[in-house]
Amino acid sequence: MPTDCISYQQSGYFSALIYDYLNEKPALKALYHRFPNLENFKLQLEEKGNNFNDNGNINDKFKREILVSVLEKQYQSIVASESTLNNIKLLNQSNTFTITTGHQLNLFTGPLYFLYKIISTINLCKQLKSEFPEHNFVPVYWMATEDHDFEEINYFTFKHKKISWNRDSFGPVGRLSTEGLEEVLAVFESEIGLGKNAEYLKNLFKKAYLEHSNLADATRFLANELFAKEGLVIIDGDNSDLKKLFIPYIKNELLQQTAFAKVNETTPLLELYSVQVNPREINLFYIEDDLRERIVFENGSYAVLNTKMTFSEEEILKEVDNHPEKFSPNVLLRPLYQEVILPNLCYIGGGGELAYWLELKSFFESQNVTFPILLLRNSVLLATEKQAKKSDKLQLTWRDLFLNQQELFTQKTKLLSDFTIDFSAQKEALKKQFEDLHKIAEATDKSFLGAVKAQETKQIKGLENLEKRLLKAEKRIHQEQLNRIIALQNELFPNQSIQERKLNFSEFYVEFGEELIKKLLTELKPLEQEFKVLVL
């Protein structure tokens, strides 16, 4: 079974909203600016170039100078590759644009899709450079340093074992001290075993988390070690100089609450789907080292929830001018912050991320900020050669293995059976006979119609029950082979979920080493929009 792919629509693991977006359903056209294809990137380049130059009365050159200055300071504590340093310098040029992905500061990268997000971003930049050589394209990883949901990021899974960092956490996670991670490393070391790749991973963990004082610096080091050769630029938005560029939008949010109004105007367009994020009246937090609490407007003044802090309008606007770093955008305002400070063309994210971005287009328009192209990140199923051979022996296709487990079980039972376990023809014949009986009853005595219908239902039900009993009997006969099929699916889809949401990259790196990332860089094609199956 060679390396292959299936469409996202066939995979069965994405929402109806994402399927409709990928199919460019007309009803969703109002929710995004341009669909991700090369022709639209040309248009996006022109628009973003013009918009980034004019936006907010801050000229392009000044914004770029601030961005580069901040990045150079953030990279002072780590050894960056020549490619990354060059990309940072290129951001000073008006013909340089970014492709951005974002991710939480998950312990040791968290689930596998962290890699896929970043590689999608890197590979799209390469493709765009080939298509538009007169421009430069920089892959950017936006670290979600201002999040405060520590329980979502404080663990990773290695070979079915959840390795957790248990401690109290308050305030933005990027500022969180890495103290106490020695114990986590000890657990990881006890699980990973021996070998060259195992030693590399242990040292990587140690250098990232034991030699850096906070989670933001540790994560920057880790991502840089994995992807520096590809020119990845990592940015931390928790920064006073960057927030200064965002001051007009912070003030607008406090005074006009435009995001609340515009997103609420958009959500009716999503009534056929579940709305990913509901807006707050004010979509800002107030942050300090051990604090990240919502700002609310109550009784004519601004207050920070769960504190005694209150501000008049004049006082809070002064606070924004003096300390913009204390104002943290929430999940709906963070995209605007990102697009204001970066010359960005496209955001690459998972299905959940794209779902809330699709709520934001009218809000962006109200702020005169170009809405980025939204691209679903690459998804990958990793399989070993042993698993691929096992699949061939069991006469399974990759499409089979993506099926719901009960559906797979039933489908393969019917295939293995020596006779057809499908009474559809018999049920159709029975329905035809009863159609004739209905006509007779109609012509003679209509009071018999109910009895005829009841008899039809009873006999159809009888055939269905017989079909189920035969299927159950066949499952018993072929139990051994069916168990092997289900065991293989469980290996590839842990807890009947897609692998990339459950496993950590270290589980594959310990066996395949740097070839893992090399193969992903070679194989992933962001604009093809397919679920890739890679045999390692």
Protein backbone atom coordinates (compact mmCIF):
# COMPACT_ATOMS: atom_id res chain seq x y z
CA MET A 1 0.00 0.00 0.00
CA PRO A 2 1.86 3.11 -1.19
CA THR A 3 1.76 6.63 0.21
CA ASP A 4 -1.63 8.01 -0.74
CA CYS A 5 -4.23 10.63 0.08
CA ILE A 6 -7.97 11.04 0.38
CA SER A 7 -10.04 14.18 0.24
CA TYR A 8 -10.95 15.94 3.46
CA GLN A 9 -14.58 15.41 2.51
CA GLN A 10 -14.06 11.63 2.37
CA SER A 11 -12.17 11.48 5.65
CA GLY A 12 -15.25 11.96 7.83
CA TYR A 13 -13.32 13.95 10.45
CA PHE A 14 -14.26 17.54 9.66
CA SER A 15 -17.35 19.64 10.31
CA ALA A 16 -20.08 20.42 7.81
CA LEU A 17 -18.89 24.04 7.83
CA ILE A 18 -15.41 23.06 6.70
CA TYR A 19 -16.74 20.70 4.04
CA ASP A 20 -18.92 23.49 2.66
CA TYR A 21 -16.01 25.94 2.76
CA LEU A 22 -13.77 23.52 0.85
CA ASN A 23 -16.57 22.97 -1.67
CA GLU A 24 -16.93 26.76 -2.03
CA LYS A 25 -20.61 26.61 -1.20
CA PRO A 26 -22.23 29.87 -2.40
CA ALA A 27 -23.95 30.44 0.95
CA LEU A 28 -20.56 30.92 2.60
CA LYS A 29 -19.08 33.34 0.06
CA ALA A 30 -19.91 36.35 2.23
CA LEU A 31 -17.81 34.94 5.09
CA TYR A 32 -14.40 34.93 3.41
CA HIS A 33 -12.48 37.22 1.13
CA ARG A 34 -10.69 34.92 -1.29
CA PHE A 35 -10.47 31.15 -1.59
CA PRO A 36 -6.92 29.74 -1.39
CA ASN A 37 -5.58 29.31 -4.91
CA LEU A 38 -2.63 30.83 -6.76
CA GLU A 39 -4.75 33.21 -8.82
CA ASN A 40 -6.28 34.68 -5.67
CA PHE A 41 -2.89 35.05 -4.00
CA LYS A 42 -1.90 37.43 -6.79
CA LEU A 43 -4.92 39.61 -5.96
CA GLN A 44 -4.21 39.31 -2.24
CA LEU A 45 -0.63 40.50 -2.76
CA GLU A 46 -1.84 43.66 -4.47
CA GLU A 47 -4.50 44.45 -1.90
CA LYS A 48 -2.44 43.74 1.21
CA GLY A 49 0.45 45.75 -0.18
CA ASN A 50 -1.81 48.78 -0.59
CA ASN A 51 -3.74 48.28 2.64
CA PHE A 52 -0.74 47.59 4.87
CA ASN A 53 0.84 50.79 3.58
CA ASP A 54 -2.15 52.99 4.45
CA ASN A 55 -3.72 51.31 7.44
CA GLY A 56 -4.08 53.19 10.69
CA ASN A 57 -2.13 56.23 9.42
CA ILE A 58 1.06 54.41 10.31
CA ASN A 59 3.19 54.04 7.24
CA ASP A 60 4.41 50.69 6.05
CA LYS A 61 8.08 51.46 6.62
CA PHE A 62 7.56 52.41 10.26
CA LYS A 63 5.46 49.32 11.02
CA ARG A 64 8.01 47.09 9.34
CA GLU A 65 10.86 48.71 11.28
CA ILE A 66 9.05 48.10 14.58
CA LEU A 67 8.28 44.51 13.62
CA VAL A 68 11.89 43.76 12.66
CA SER A 69 13.25 45.47 15.77
CA VAL A 70 10.98 43.43 18.05
CA LEU A 71 11.85 40.16 16.29
CA GLU A 72 15.57 40.83 16.51
CA LYS A 73 15.24 41.41 20.27
CA GLN A 74 13.13 38.26 20.71
CA TYR A 75 15.80 36.22 18.89
CA GLN A 76 18.71 37.50 20.98
CA SER A 77 18.55 34.60 23.41
CA ILE A 78 18.67 31.79 20.81
CA VAL A 79 20.87 30.78 17.90
CA ALA A 80 18.89 31.48 14.75
CA SER A 81 19.76 30.11 11.34
CA GLU A 82 21.03 32.36 8.58
CA SER A 83 17.78 31.66 6.75
CA THR A 84 15.66 32.88 9.66
CA LEU A 85 17.80 35.99 10.27
CA ASN A 86 17.61 36.80 6.57
CA ASN A 87 13.82 36.43 6.61
CA ILE A 88 13.58 38.83 9.54
CA LYS A 89 15.63 41.42 7.64
CA LEU A 90 13.51 40.89 4.51
CA LEU A 91 10.46 42.01 6.50
CA ASN A 92 11.85 45.55 6.19
CA GLN A 93 11.14 45.42 2.46
CA SER A 94 7.76 46.39 1.04
CA ASN A 95 7.74 43.38 -1.31
CA THR A 96 7.96 40.93 1.60
CA PHE A 97 4.84 39.27 2.97
CA THR A 98 4.10 36.65 5.59
CA ILE A 99 2.15 33.42 5.72
CA THR A 100 1.11 32.81 9.30
CA THR A 101 -0.02 29.99 11.52
CA GLY A 102 -0.67 30.15 15.25
CA HIS A 103 -0.61 27.62 18.02
CA GLN A 104 -0.77 27.31 21.77
CA LEU A 105 2.38 26.74 23.79
CA ASN A 106 1.67 23.04 24.24
CA LEU A 107 4.20 21.10 26.27
CA PHE A 108 6.80 19.60 23.88
CA THR A 109 4.64 20.78 20.93
CA GLY A 110 1.53 18.84 22.07
CA PRO A 111 -0.33 16.97 19.30
CA LEU A 112 1.24 16.07 15.96
CA TYR A 113 -0.64 18.71 14.01
CA PHE A 114 1.70 21.36 15.45
CA LEU A 115 4.23 20.08 12.91
CA TYR A 116 1.69 20.00 10.10
CA LYS A 117 0.64 23.61 10.71
CA ILE A 118 4.18 24.90 10.52
CA ILE A 119 5.20 22.73 7.56
CA SER A 120 2.07 23.82 5.68
CA THR A 121 3.18 27.40 6.28
CA ILE A 122 6.77 26.78 5.19
CA ASN A 123 5.77 24.90 2.07
CA LEU A 124 3.21 27.48 0.98
CA CYS A 125 5.91 30.16 1.20
CA LYS A 126 8.12 28.07 -1.08
CA GLN A 127 5.31 27.58 -3.57
CA LEU A 128 4.44 31.29 -3.62
CA LYS A 129 8.09 32.27 -4.10
CA SER A 130 8.23 29.98 -7.11
CA GLU A 131 5.03 31.51 -8.53
CA PHE A 132 5.80 35.15 -7.64
CA PRO A 133 9.61 35.44 -7.60
CA GLU A 134 9.55 39.23 -7.40
CA HIS A 135 8.16 38.97 -3.86
CA ASN A 136 9.48 37.41 -0.66
CA PHE A 137 7.39 35.16 1.57
CA VAL A 138 8.22 34.55 5.22
CA PRO A 139 6.71 31.67 7.23
CA VAL A 140 5.57 32.90 10.66
CA TYR A 141 4.58 30.95 13.76
CA TRP A 142 2.52 33.16 16.07
CA MET A 143 2.93 31.86 19.62
CA ALA A 144 -0.27 32.13 21.65
CA THR A 145 1.65 33.45 24.64
CA GLU A 146 -1.24 35.46 26.10
CA ASP A 147 -3.62 32.50 26.49
CA HIS A 148 -4.44 31.48 30.04
CA ASP A 149 -5.93 28.00 29.50
CA PHE A 150 -3.04 26.08 31.04
CA GLU A 151 -5.03 22.83 31.30
CA GLU A 152 -5.19 22.68 27.49
CA ILE A 153 -1.41 22.77 27.05
CA ASN A 154 0.21 21.18 30.10
CA TYR A 155 0.63 17.67 28.71
CA PHE A 156 1.52 15.50 25.74
CA THR A 157 0.97 11.83 24.97
CA PHE A 158 3.79 9.38 24.36
CA LYS A 159 2.90 5.77 23.55
CA HIS A 160 -0.48 5.90 25.32
CA LYS A 161 0.97 7.62 28.40
CA LYS A 162 -0.14 11.13 29.26
CA ILE A 163 2.90 13.09 30.44
CA SER A 164 1.67 16.09 32.42
CA TRP A 165 3.10 19.20 34.01
CA ASN A 166 1.05 19.66 37.15
CA ARG A 167 1.19 23.09 38.74
CA ASP A 168 -0.93 26.16 39.36
CA SER A 169 -1.05 28.74 36.60
CA PHE A 170 -2.38 32.30 36.54
CA GLY A 171 -2.06 34.93 33.89
CA PRO A 172 -0.60 34.61 30.37
CA VAL A 173 1.01 31.19 29.87
CA GLY A 174 3.97 32.61 27.95
CA ARG A 175 5.17 34.31 31.13
CA LEU A 176 4.85 31.12 33.16
CA SER A 177 8.04 29.97 34.86
CA THR A 178 9.43 26.62 33.67
CA GLU A 179 10.32 25.70 37.23
CA GLY A 180 9.34 22.13 38.05
CA LEU A 181 9.77 20.66 34.58
CA GLU A 182 12.66 18.50 35.78
CA GLU A 183 10.09 16.04 37.07
CA VAL A 184 8.34 15.95 33.69
CA LEU A 185 11.67 15.29 31.96
CA ALA A 186 12.34 12.40 34.36
CA VAL A 187 9.02 10.79 33.40
CA PHE A 188 9.71 11.31 29.69
CA GLU A 189 13.19 9.81 30.02
CA SER A 190 11.81 6.74 31.74
CA GLU A 191 9.37 6.16 28.88
CA ILE A 192 11.42 6.94 25.79
CA GLY A 193 14.20 4.39 26.19
CA LEU A 194 17.65 4.39 24.61
CA GLY A 195 19.13 5.21 21.23
CA LYS A 196 20.42 8.14 19.21
CA ASN A 197 16.98 9.61 18.49
CA ALA A 198 15.87 9.13 22.08
CA GLU A 199 18.94 11.00 23.31
CA TYR A 200 18.27 13.83 20.88
CA LEU A 201 14.69 14.19 22.13
CA LYS A 202 15.73 14.12 25.79
CA ASN A 203 18.35 16.80 25.17
CA LEU A 204 15.88 18.85 23.15
CA PHE A 205 13.39 18.79 26.01
CA LYS A 206 16.12 19.59 28.53
CA LYS A 207 17.54 22.54 26.57
CA ALA A 208 14.10 23.95 25.82
CA TYR A 209 12.51 23.75 29.25
CA LEU A 210 15.35 23.54 31.75
CA GLU A 211 17.57 26.19 30.16
CA HIS A 212 14.86 28.81 29.56
CA SER A 213 13.06 30.63 32.33
CA ASN A 214 9.57 30.93 30.86
CA LEU A 215 7.27 29.00 28.55
CA ALA A 216 7.45 31.51 25.69
CA ASP A 217 11.24 31.34 25.49
CA ALA A 218 11.18 27.55 25.83
CA THR A 219 8.67 27.17 23.01
CA ARG A 220 10.55 29.57 20.76
CA PHE A 221 13.74 27.55 21.27
CA LEU A 222 11.94 24.29 20.58
CA ALA A 223 10.25 25.44 17.36
CA ASN A 224 13.48 27.09 16.22
CA GLU A 225 15.45 23.88 16.74
CA LEU A 226 12.97 21.91 14.66
CA PHE A 227 12.46 24.39 11.81
CA ALA A 228 15.21 27.04 11.78
CA LYS A 229 16.78 25.61 8.61
CA GLU A 230 13.51 26.41 6.82
CA GLY A 231 13.63 30.09 7.77
CA LEU A 232 10.71 29.94 10.21
CA VAL A 233 10.17 33.21 12.08
CA ILE A 234 8.57 32.90 15.52
CA ILE A 235 6.78 35.88 17.02
CA ASP A 236 5.51 36.67 20.50
CA GLY A 237 2.69 39.22 20.38
CA ASP A 238 2.94 39.88 24.12
CA ASN A 239 5.09 42.93 23.49
CA SER A 240 4.71 46.63 24.29
CA ASP A 241 6.14 47.95 21.01
CA LEU A 242 3.84 45.72 18.93
CA LYS A 243 0.84 46.64 21.08
CA LYS A 244 1.56 50.33 20.45
CA LEU A 245 0.76 49.70 16.79
CA PHE A 246 -2.57 48.30 17.92
CA ILE A 247 -3.58 51.19 20.22
CA PRO A 248 -6.20 52.70 17.85
CA TYR A 249 -7.97 49.32 17.64
CA ILE A 250 -7.83 48.76 21.41
CA LYS A 251 -9.48 52.14 21.92
CA ASN A 252 -12.10 51.38 19.29
CA GLU A 253 -12.92 48.13 21.05
CA LEU A 254 -13.31 49.89 24.40
CA LEU A 255 -15.36 52.81 23.10
CA GLN A 256 -17.30 51.49 20.11
CA GLN A 257 -17.42 47.71 20.73
CA THR A 258 -17.48 47.17 16.97
CA ALA A 259 -16.44 43.52 17.11
CA PHE A 260 -19.52 42.64 19.17
CA ALA A 261 -21.84 44.33 16.70
CA LYS A 262 -20.22 43.04 13.51
CA VAL A 263 -19.76 39.44 14.62
CA ASN A 264 -23.36 39.32 15.83
CA GLU A 265 -24.44 40.52 12.39
CA THR A 266 -22.50 37.64 10.85
CA THR A 267 -23.56 34.73 13.06
CA PRO A 268 -27.04 34.38 11.46
CA LEU A 269 -25.19 33.38 8.27
CA LEU A 270 -23.86 30.44 10.27
CA GLU A 271 -27.21 29.32 11.67
CA LEU A 272 -26.97 25.99 9.81
CA TYR A 273 -23.72 25.28 11.67
CA SER A 274 -22.62 25.61 15.28
CA VAL A 275 -21.09 29.01 16.00
CA GLN A 276 -17.49 28.50 17.13
CA VAL A 277 -17.09 31.61 19.32
CA ASN A 278 -19.63 34.12 20.58
CA PRO A 279 -18.35 37.69 20.94
CA ARG A 280 -18.16 39.62 24.20
CA GLU A 281 -19.23 43.24 24.38
CA ILE A 282 -15.54 43.98 25.02
CA ASN A 283 -13.14 41.41 23.60
CA LEU A 284 -10.13 42.38 25.68
CA PHE A 285 -8.40 41.07 28.77
CA TYR A 286 -6.32 43.02 31.24
CA ILE A 287 -3.04 41.21 31.89
CA GLU A 288 -0.17 41.26 34.32
CA ASP A 289 2.25 38.46 35.25
CA ASP A 290 -0.29 36.55 37.35
CA LEU A 291 -3.47 38.02 35.96
CA ARG A 292 -5.55 37.75 32.78
CA GLU A 293 -9.12 38.82 33.38
CA ARG A 294 -11.84 40.22 31.15
CA ILE A 295 -12.51 43.93 30.87
CA VAL A 296 -16.21 44.82 31.19
CA PHE A 297 -18.18 48.07 31.05
CA GLU A 298 -20.57 48.34 33.99
CA ASN A 299 -22.41 51.25 35.57
CA GLY A 300 -20.62 53.85 33.50
CA SER A 301 -17.07 52.63 34.17
CA TYR A 302 -14.63 49.95 33.06
CA ALA A 303 -13.79 47.12 35.43
CA VAL A 304 -11.46 44.13 35.44
CA LEU A 305 -13.38 41.05 36.52
CA ASN A 306 -12.39 39.30 39.76
CA THR A 307 -10.33 42.32 40.85
CA LYS A 308 -11.01 45.68 42.45
CA MET A 309 -9.64 47.58 39.45
CA THR A 310 -11.95 50.12 37.83
CA PHE A 311 -11.31 52.91 35.30
CA SER A 312 -13.22 55.89 34.03
CA GLU A 313 -13.19 56.35 30.25
CA GLU A 314 -10.41 58.92 30.53
CA GLU A 315 -8.38 56.70 32.86
CA ILE A 316 -8.61 53.57 30.73
CA LEU A 317 -7.67 55.44 27.53
CA LYS A 318 -4.66 56.86 29.37
CA GLU A 319 -3.78 53.34 30.53
CA VAL A 320 -3.91 52.15 26.92
CA ASP A 321 -1.53 54.93 25.86
CA ASN A 322 0.89 54.32 28.72
CA HIS A 323 0.69 50.53 28.99
CA PRO A 324 -0.74 48.95 25.82
CA GLU A 325 0.98 45.68 26.79
CA LYS A 326 -1.60 45.28 29.56
CA PHE A 327 -4.42 44.92 27.04
CA SER A 328 -4.72 41.44 25.58
CA PRO A 329 -7.06 40.61 22.68
CA ASN A 330 -9.26 37.55 23.06
CA VAL A 331 -9.75 34.86 20.43
CA LEU A 332 -11.91 37.12 18.23
CA LEU A 333 -9.73 40.24 18.47
CA ARG A 334 -6.35 38.48 18.23
CA PRO A 335 -6.73 37.87 14.46
CA LEU A 336 -7.11 41.62 13.91
CA TYR A 337 -4.01 42.31 16.03
CA GLN A 338 -2.04 39.81 13.99
CA GLU A 339 -3.14 41.26 10.65
CA VAL A 340 -2.43 44.84 11.74
CA ILE A 341 1.19 44.21 12.69
CA LEU A 342 2.10 41.64 10.01
CA PRO A 343 2.14 42.09 6.21
CA ASN A 344 0.19 38.85 6.11
CA LEU A 345 -1.52 37.22 3.14
CA CYS A 346 -2.89 33.98 4.55
CA TYR A 347 -3.71 32.35 7.85
CA ILE A 348 -3.26 28.56 8.05
CA GLY A 349 -5.22 26.77 10.74
CA GLY A 350 -7.30 23.77 11.68
CA GLY A 351 -11.02 23.41 11.19
CA GLY A 352 -11.90 24.96 14.54
CA GLU A 353 -9.71 27.99 13.89
CA LEU A 354 -11.12 28.59 10.42
CA ALA A 355 -14.61 28.36 11.91
CA TYR A 356 -14.07 31.42 14.12
CA TRP A 357 -12.12 33.29 11.43
CA LEU A 358 -15.20 32.92 9.22
CA GLU A 359 -17.10 35.04 11.75
CA LEU A 360 -14.75 38.01 11.31
CA LYS A 361 -14.80 39.29 7.74
CA SER A 362 -17.32 42.11 8.25
CA PHE A 363 -15.45 43.20 11.39
CA PHE A 364 -12.19 43.41 9.43
CA GLU A 365 -13.92 45.47 6.75
CA SER A 366 -15.17 47.90 9.40
CA GLN A 367 -11.55 48.37 10.55
CA ASN A 368 -10.19 48.78 7.00
CA VAL A 369 -7.86 45.80 7.44
CA THR A 370 -7.47 43.28 4.62
CA PHE A 371 -9.04 39.95 5.52
CA PRO A 372 -6.49 37.16 4.91
CA ILE A 373 -6.95 34.10 2.77
CA LEU A 374 -7.95 31.20 5.03
CA LEU A 375 -6.28 27.86 4.36
CA LEU A 376 -7.03 24.58 6.09
CA ARG A 377 -3.73 23.15 7.29
CA ASN A 378 -2.44 19.85 5.96
CA SER A 379 -3.65 16.75 7.77
CA VAL A 380 -1.59 13.57 7.81
CA LEU A 381 -1.95 9.95 8.79
CA LEU A 382 1.46 8.43 9.54
CA ALA A 383 1.84 4.68 9.08
CA THR A 384 4.81 2.37 9.34
CA GLU A 385 5.76 -0.04 6.57
CA LYS A 386 4.70 -2.86 8.89
CA GLN A 387 1.23 -1.35 9.25
CA ALA A 388 0.97 -0.79 5.49
CA LYS A 389 1.88 -4.44 4.80
CA LYS A 390 -0.62 -5.57 7.41
CA SER A 391 -3.28 -3.47 5.71
CA ASP A 392 -2.47 -5.02 2.32
CA LYS A 393 -2.68 -8.51 3.80
CA LEU A 394 -6.09 -7.69 5.25
CA GLN A 395 -7.18 -6.29 1.86
CA LEU A 396 -7.87 -2.86 3.29
CA THR A 397 -7.67 0.49 1.52
CA TRP A 398 -6.82 3.72 3.31
CA ARG A 399 -10.40 4.80 2.68
CA ASP A 400 -11.55 1.68 4.58
CA LEU A 401 -9.46 2.62 7.58
CA PHE A 402 -10.99 6.11 7.76
CA LEU A 403 -14.47 4.62 8.13
CA ASN A 404 -16.43 4.74 11.36
CA GLN A 405 -15.40 1.60 13.25
CA GLN A 406 -18.85 0.02 13.31
CA GLU A 407 -19.28 0.77 9.61
CA LEU A 408 -15.89 -0.78 8.86
CA PHE A 409 -16.77 -3.85 10.94
CA THR A 410 -20.07 -4.36 9.12
CA GLN A 411 -18.66 -3.66 5.66
CA LYS A 412 -15.82 -6.13 6.06
CA THR A 413 -18.11 -8.78 7.55
CA LYS A 414 -20.27 -8.65 4.43
CA LEU A 415 -17.19 -8.78 2.22
CA LEU A 416 -15.80 -11.83 4.02
CA SER A 417 -19.11 -13.68 3.95
CA ASP A 418 -19.68 -16.46 1.39
CA PHE A 419 -23.15 -15.11 0.63
CA THR A 420 -24.76 -11.69 0.39
CA ILE A 421 -26.02 -10.27 3.68
CA ASP A 422 -28.19 -7.65 2.11
CA PHE A 423 -31.94 -8.10 1.92
CA SER A 424 -32.54 -4.85 0.02
CA ALA A 425 -33.88 -6.74 -3.01
CA GLN A 426 -36.21 -8.84 -0.85
CA LYS A 427 -37.46 -5.74 0.95
CA GLU A 428 -38.12 -3.98 -2.34
CA ALA A 429 -40.00 -7.02 -3.64
CA LEU A 430 -42.06 -7.11 -0.46
CA LYS A 431 -42.88 -3.42 -0.75
CA LYS A 432 -44.02 -4.02 -4.34
CA GLN A 433 -46.36 -6.80 -3.22
CA PHE A 434 -47.83 -4.56 -0.57
CA GLU A 435 -48.33 -1.78 -3.09
CA ASP A 436 -50.70 -4.16 -4.90
CA LEU A 437 -52.43 -5.02 -1.61
CA HIS A 438 -52.85 -1.30 -0.86
CA LYS A 439 -54.60 -0.86 -4.23
CA ILE A 440 -56.92 -3.82 -3.54
CA ALA A 441 -57.81 -2.46 -0.08
CA GLU A 442 -58.38 1.01 -1.54
CA ALA A 443 -60.78 -0.42 -4.14
CA THR A 444 -62.72 -2.69 -1.80
CA ASP A 445 -62.75 -1.55 1.81
CA LYS A 446 -60.58 1.37 2.95
CA SER A 447 -60.82 0.19 6.55
CA PHE A 448 -58.34 -2.55 5.60
CA LEU A 449 -55.62 -0.02 4.74
CA GLY A 450 -54.40 0.22 8.33
CA ALA A 451 -54.15 -3.55 8.65
CA VAL A 452 -52.25 -3.83 5.36
CA LYS A 453 -49.81 -1.12 6.43
CA ALA A 454 -49.25 -2.76 9.80
CA GLN A 455 -48.58 -6.12 8.15
CA GLU A 456 -46.12 -4.49 5.73
CA THR A 457 -44.22 -2.85 8.59
CA LYS A 458 -44.11 -6.13 10.51
CA GLN A 459 -42.73 -8.13 7.58
CA ILE A 460 -40.13 -5.48 6.64
CA LYS A 461 -39.05 -5.43 10.28
CA GLY A 462 -38.81 -9.20 10.24
CA LEU A 463 -36.48 -9.13 7.24
CA GLU A 464 -34.33 -6.46 8.92
CA ASN A 465 -34.06 -8.54 12.08
CA LEU A 466 -33.13 -11.61 10.08
CA GLU A 467 -30.47 -9.58 8.26
CA LYS A 468 -29.03 -8.40 11.60
CA ARG A 469 -28.96 -11.96 12.97
CA LEU A 470 -27.15 -13.28 9.90
CA LEU A 471 -24.67 -10.42 10.10
CA LYS A 472 -24.05 -11.17 13.77
CA ALA A 473 -23.50 -14.83 13.00
CA GLU A 474 -21.06 -13.99 10.20
CA LYS A 475 -19.15 -11.67 12.54
CA ARG A 476 -18.65 -14.61 14.91
CA ILE A 477 -17.40 -16.82 12.07
CA HIS A 478 -14.88 -14.21 10.87
CA GLN A 479 -14.06 -12.84 14.34
CA GLU A 480 -10.32 -13.46 14.15
CA GLN A 481 -9.76 -11.53 10.93
CA LEU A 482 -12.18 -8.79 11.95
CA ASN A 483 -10.29 -8.38 15.21
CA ARG A 484 -7.05 -7.89 13.27
CA ILE A 485 -8.76 -5.23 11.12
CA ILE A 486 -10.07 -3.37 14.15
CA ALA A 487 -6.72 -3.67 15.95
CA LEU A 488 -4.97 -2.05 12.99
CA GLN A 489 -7.51 0.75 12.84
CA ASN A 490 -7.08 1.36 16.56
CA GLU A 491 -3.32 1.67 16.07
CA LEU A 492 -3.78 4.29 13.37
CA PHE A 493 -6.77 6.06 14.91
CA PRO A 494 -6.22 6.07 18.70
CA ASN A 495 -9.48 6.26 20.63
CA GLN A 496 -11.22 6.29 17.22
CA SER A 497 -9.93 9.80 16.59
CA ILE A 498 -7.46 11.05 14.02
CA GLN A 499 -3.88 10.39 15.02
CA GLU A 500 -2.71 14.00 14.66
CA ARG A 501 -4.99 15.14 17.50
CA LYS A 502 -3.74 12.53 19.98
CA LEU A 503 -0.08 11.62 19.46
CA ASN A 504 3.08 13.67 19.95
CA PHE A 505 5.77 13.92 17.27
CA SER A 506 8.31 12.28 19.61
CA GLU A 507 6.56 8.91 19.23
CA PHE A 508 7.58 8.86 15.55
CA TYR A 509 10.81 10.82 15.87
CA VAL A 510 12.25 8.27 18.28
CA GLU A 511 11.95 5.66 15.53
CA PHE A 512 12.53 7.65 12.35
CA GLY A 513 14.60 10.62 13.50
CA GLU A 514 15.05 13.65 11.28
CA GLU A 515 13.64 11.72 8.31
CA LEU A 516 10.19 12.34 9.80
CA ILE A 517 10.35 16.10 9.28
CA LYS A 518 12.23 15.76 5.99
CA LYS A 519 9.50 13.54 4.56
CA LEU A 520 6.75 15.85 5.75
CA LEU A 521 8.51 18.82 4.16
CA THR A 522 8.79 16.88 0.90
CA GLU A 523 5.26 15.50 0.78
CA LEU A 524 2.90 18.16 2.14
CA LYS A 525 1.25 20.34 -0.51
CA PRO A 526 -0.85 23.00 1.23
CA LEU A 527 -3.01 24.07 -1.71
CA GLU A 528 -3.96 20.53 -2.72
CA GLN A 529 -6.34 20.30 0.26
CA GLU A 530 -6.05 16.54 0.78
CA PHE A 531 -5.62 14.31 3.81
CA LYS A 532 -2.18 12.81 3.22
CA VAL A 533 -1.27 9.25 4.18
CA LEU A 534 2.49 8.81 4.61
CA VAL A 535 4.19 5.46 5.00
CA LEU A 536 7.46 5.86 6.90
